[in-house]
């Protein structure tokens, strides 16, 4: 029998990954309302306000945990620093995506969060493979994915960026447990 965690918590050395709640709305709105973050994601609008953060928290609460899990990334000293999601999309295997607030860039937090999520995905969510893509003009995200064990597939596809309102070349990567 497979038991589905409805609100998983993942702990790493400095971080806790957990479901976002109402208490996180102000931090999510503040951090996500940055064009340089939104333009590197597929789904985030810009500007990103309080209402967008509320809608996000509600949408996450409604996710089917067998098909998607979204976490706020909470730092032991700084509180919420970003978001990471694992979800089934158009690919045959689930996809992951993440963002970190600008003030926390360059500290290895995205890599640490992603590595923790991958351990959870393989052990508890029972996934043996994940895909991820990064926009070709965001090589830093590619480095995060590489450090976490993703490999380039050689495929580049167009993905729509809501903040840019444009299709952007996306370099595809895969992780195998």
Protein backbone atom coordinates (compact mmCIF):
# COMPACT_ATOMS: atom_id res chain seq x y z
CA UNK A 1 0.00 0.00 0.00
CA UNK A 2 1.35 3.43 -0.97
CA UNK A 3 0.67 6.19 1.54
CA UNK A 4 0.67 9.67 0.03
CA UNK A 5 2.10 12.47 2.17
CA UNK A 6 -0.31 15.37 1.93
CA UNK A 7 2.00 17.92 3.51
CA UNK A 8 5.58 16.64 3.40
CA UNK A 9 8.42 18.39 5.20
CA UNK A 10 12.01 18.04 3.96
CA UNK A 11 14.92 19.16 6.13
CA UNK A 12 18.44 19.90 4.91
CA UNK A 13 21.44 21.38 6.69
CA UNK A 14 20.14 24.98 6.57
CA UNK A 15 16.66 24.68 5.12
CA UNK A 16 13.19 23.33 5.68
CA UNK A 17 11.00 22.65 2.65
CA UNK A 18 7.32 22.66 3.58
CA UNK A 19 3.89 23.52 2.22
CA UNK A 20 3.26 27.25 1.95
CA UNK A 21 0.63 28.69 4.27
CA UNK A 22 -1.15 31.98 4.84
CA UNK A 23 1.71 33.16 7.07
CA UNK A 24 4.05 32.99 4.04
CA UNK A 25 2.00 35.22 1.73
CA UNK A 26 3.79 38.52 2.58
CA UNK A 27 7.27 37.01 2.11
CA UNK A 28 6.31 35.24 -1.13
CA UNK A 29 4.79 38.44 -2.52
CA UNK A 30 7.83 40.53 -1.54
CA UNK A 31 10.44 38.11 -2.89
CA UNK A 32 8.56 37.12 -6.07
CA UNK A 33 7.82 40.71 -7.11
CA UNK A 34 11.17 40.94 -8.89
CA UNK A 35 11.23 41.02 -12.67
CA UNK A 36 14.60 39.26 -12.79
CA UNK A 37 13.08 36.29 -10.94
CA UNK A 38 9.74 36.18 -12.76
CA UNK A 39 11.34 36.44 -16.22
CA UNK A 40 13.31 33.24 -15.55
CA UNK A 41 10.16 31.21 -14.75
CA UNK A 42 7.40 29.90 -16.94
CA UNK A 43 4.40 30.59 -14.73
CA UNK A 44 5.10 33.68 -12.59
CA UNK A 45 3.54 36.98 -13.62
CA UNK A 46 5.21 40.32 -13.12
CA UNK A 47 4.34 42.34 -11.19
CA UNK A 48 3.63 39.74 -8.48
CA UNK A 49 1.50 41.11 -5.67
CA UNK A 50 -0.24 40.05 -2.49
CA UNK A 51 -3.20 38.68 -4.47
CA UNK A 52 -0.88 36.56 -6.63
CA UNK A 53 0.75 35.15 -3.49
CA UNK A 54 -2.68 34.37 -2.00
CA UNK A 55 -3.75 32.63 -5.23
CA UNK A 56 -0.49 30.66 -5.22
CA UNK A 57 -0.99 29.40 -1.65
CA UNK A 58 -4.59 28.41 -2.43
CA UNK A 59 -3.54 26.60 -5.64
CA UNK A 60 -0.83 24.67 -3.78
CA UNK A 61 -3.32 23.61 -1.10
CA UNK A 62 -5.54 22.20 -3.87
CA UNK A 63 -2.76 20.16 -5.53
CA UNK A 64 -3.11 16.40 -5.79
CA UNK A 65 -0.06 15.22 -3.77
CA UNK A 66 0.23 12.15 -5.99
CA UNK A 67 0.92 14.46 -8.95
CA UNK A 68 2.47 17.63 -7.47
CA UNK A 69 4.21 18.93 -4.38
CA UNK A 70 5.19 22.54 -3.92
CA UNK A 71 7.35 23.76 -1.07
CA UNK A 72 8.39 27.08 0.35
CA UNK A 73 12.11 27.07 1.02
CA UNK A 74 12.62 28.31 4.55
CA UNK A 75 16.09 29.24 5.81
CA UNK A 76 16.89 28.68 9.47
CA UNK A 77 17.90 32.35 9.95
CA UNK A 78 16.09 34.25 7.19
CA UNK A 79 12.65 32.63 6.92
CA UNK A 80 11.15 32.07 3.46
CA UNK A 81 13.78 32.51 0.73
CA UNK A 82 12.06 30.89 -2.28
CA UNK A 83 9.83 28.17 -3.70
CA UNK A 84 10.45 24.73 -5.21
CA UNK A 85 7.90 22.58 -7.01
CA UNK A 86 7.71 19.02 -8.30
CA UNK A 87 4.83 18.35 -10.66
CA UNK A 88 3.57 16.25 -13.52
CA UNK A 89 3.34 18.26 -16.73
CA UNK A 90 3.54 17.47 -20.44
CA UNK A 91 6.63 15.26 -20.06
CA UNK A 92 6.46 11.54 -19.29
CA UNK A 93 8.26 12.10 -16.00
CA UNK A 94 7.60 14.84 -13.42
CA UNK A 95 9.27 18.22 -13.71
CA UNK A 96 10.89 20.42 -11.11
CA UNK A 97 11.22 24.17 -10.95
CA UNK A 98 12.36 26.66 -8.32
CA UNK A 99 13.21 30.26 -7.60
CA UNK A 100 15.20 31.99 -4.86
CA UNK A 101 14.78 35.60 -3.75
CA UNK A 102 17.47 37.92 -5.15
CA UNK A 103 18.92 38.78 -1.72
CA UNK A 104 19.71 35.08 -1.23
CA UNK A 105 21.39 34.38 -4.59
CA UNK A 106 24.90 32.95 -4.62
CA UNK A 107 24.66 31.11 -1.29
CA UNK A 108 23.99 27.59 -2.58
CA UNK A 109 20.42 27.61 -1.28
CA UNK A 110 18.79 26.54 -4.56
CA UNK A 111 21.19 23.60 -4.87
CA UNK A 112 20.67 22.56 -1.25
CA UNK A 113 16.89 22.77 -1.57
CA UNK A 114 16.88 20.86 -4.84
CA UNK A 115 19.15 18.11 -3.49
CA UNK A 116 16.84 17.68 -0.48
CA UNK A 117 13.77 17.58 -2.71
CA UNK A 118 15.39 14.96 -4.96
CA UNK A 119 16.09 12.65 -2.01
CA UNK A 120 12.46 13.05 -0.92
CA UNK A 121 11.17 12.51 -4.48
CA UNK A 122 13.04 9.24 -4.85
CA UNK A 123 12.36 7.83 -1.37
CA UNK A 124 8.91 9.10 -0.41
CA UNK A 125 7.28 10.22 -3.68
CA UNK A 126 8.73 7.13 -5.42
CA UNK A 127 9.97 8.99 -8.51
CA UNK A 128 13.01 7.63 -10.33
CA UNK A 129 13.40 10.45 -12.83
CA UNK A 130 12.66 14.16 -13.08
CA UNK A 131 13.11 16.68 -15.85
CA UNK A 132 13.91 20.35 -15.60
CA UNK A 133 14.56 23.10 -18.04
CA UNK A 134 16.29 26.41 -17.74
CA UNK A 135 16.01 29.32 -20.09
CA UNK A 136 19.11 29.53 -22.30
CA UNK A 137 19.78 33.05 -20.98
CA UNK A 138 19.87 31.74 -17.38
CA UNK A 139 23.06 29.65 -17.15
CA UNK A 140 23.12 30.05 -13.34
CA UNK A 141 20.03 27.86 -13.11
CA UNK A 142 21.74 25.29 -15.30
CA UNK A 143 24.67 25.21 -12.88
CA UNK A 144 22.27 24.63 -9.95
CA UNK A 145 20.71 21.72 -11.80
CA UNK A 146 24.12 20.26 -12.71
CA UNK A 147 25.31 20.46 -9.08
CA UNK A 148 22.16 18.58 -8.02
CA UNK A 149 22.91 15.78 -10.50
CA UNK A 150 20.89 16.75 -13.58
CA UNK A 151 22.36 16.06 -17.02
CA UNK A 152 21.68 17.87 -20.27
CA UNK A 153 19.54 15.90 -22.72
CA UNK A 154 20.70 17.82 -25.79
CA UNK A 155 17.15 19.03 -26.38
CA UNK A 156 16.24 22.70 -26.55
CA UNK A 157 12.57 23.55 -26.68
CA UNK A 158 10.50 26.70 -26.60
CA UNK A 159 8.72 27.44 -23.31
CA UNK A 160 6.40 30.35 -22.68
CA UNK A 161 7.44 32.83 -20.00
CA UNK A 162 4.39 34.55 -18.55
CA UNK A 163 6.44 37.49 -17.24
CA UNK A 164 8.10 38.04 -20.64
CA UNK A 165 4.99 37.16 -22.65
CA UNK A 166 7.25 35.29 -25.05
CA UNK A 167 8.50 31.83 -25.99
CA UNK A 168 12.06 31.34 -24.74
CA UNK A 169 14.66 28.74 -25.71
CA UNK A 170 14.79 26.24 -22.86
CA UNK A 171 17.65 23.76 -22.34
CA UNK A 172 16.23 20.47 -21.05
CA UNK A 173 17.87 18.35 -18.36
CA UNK A 174 17.09 15.04 -16.66
CA UNK A 175 17.81 13.53 -13.24
CA UNK A 176 17.76 9.79 -12.66
CA UNK A 177 17.60 8.31 -9.15
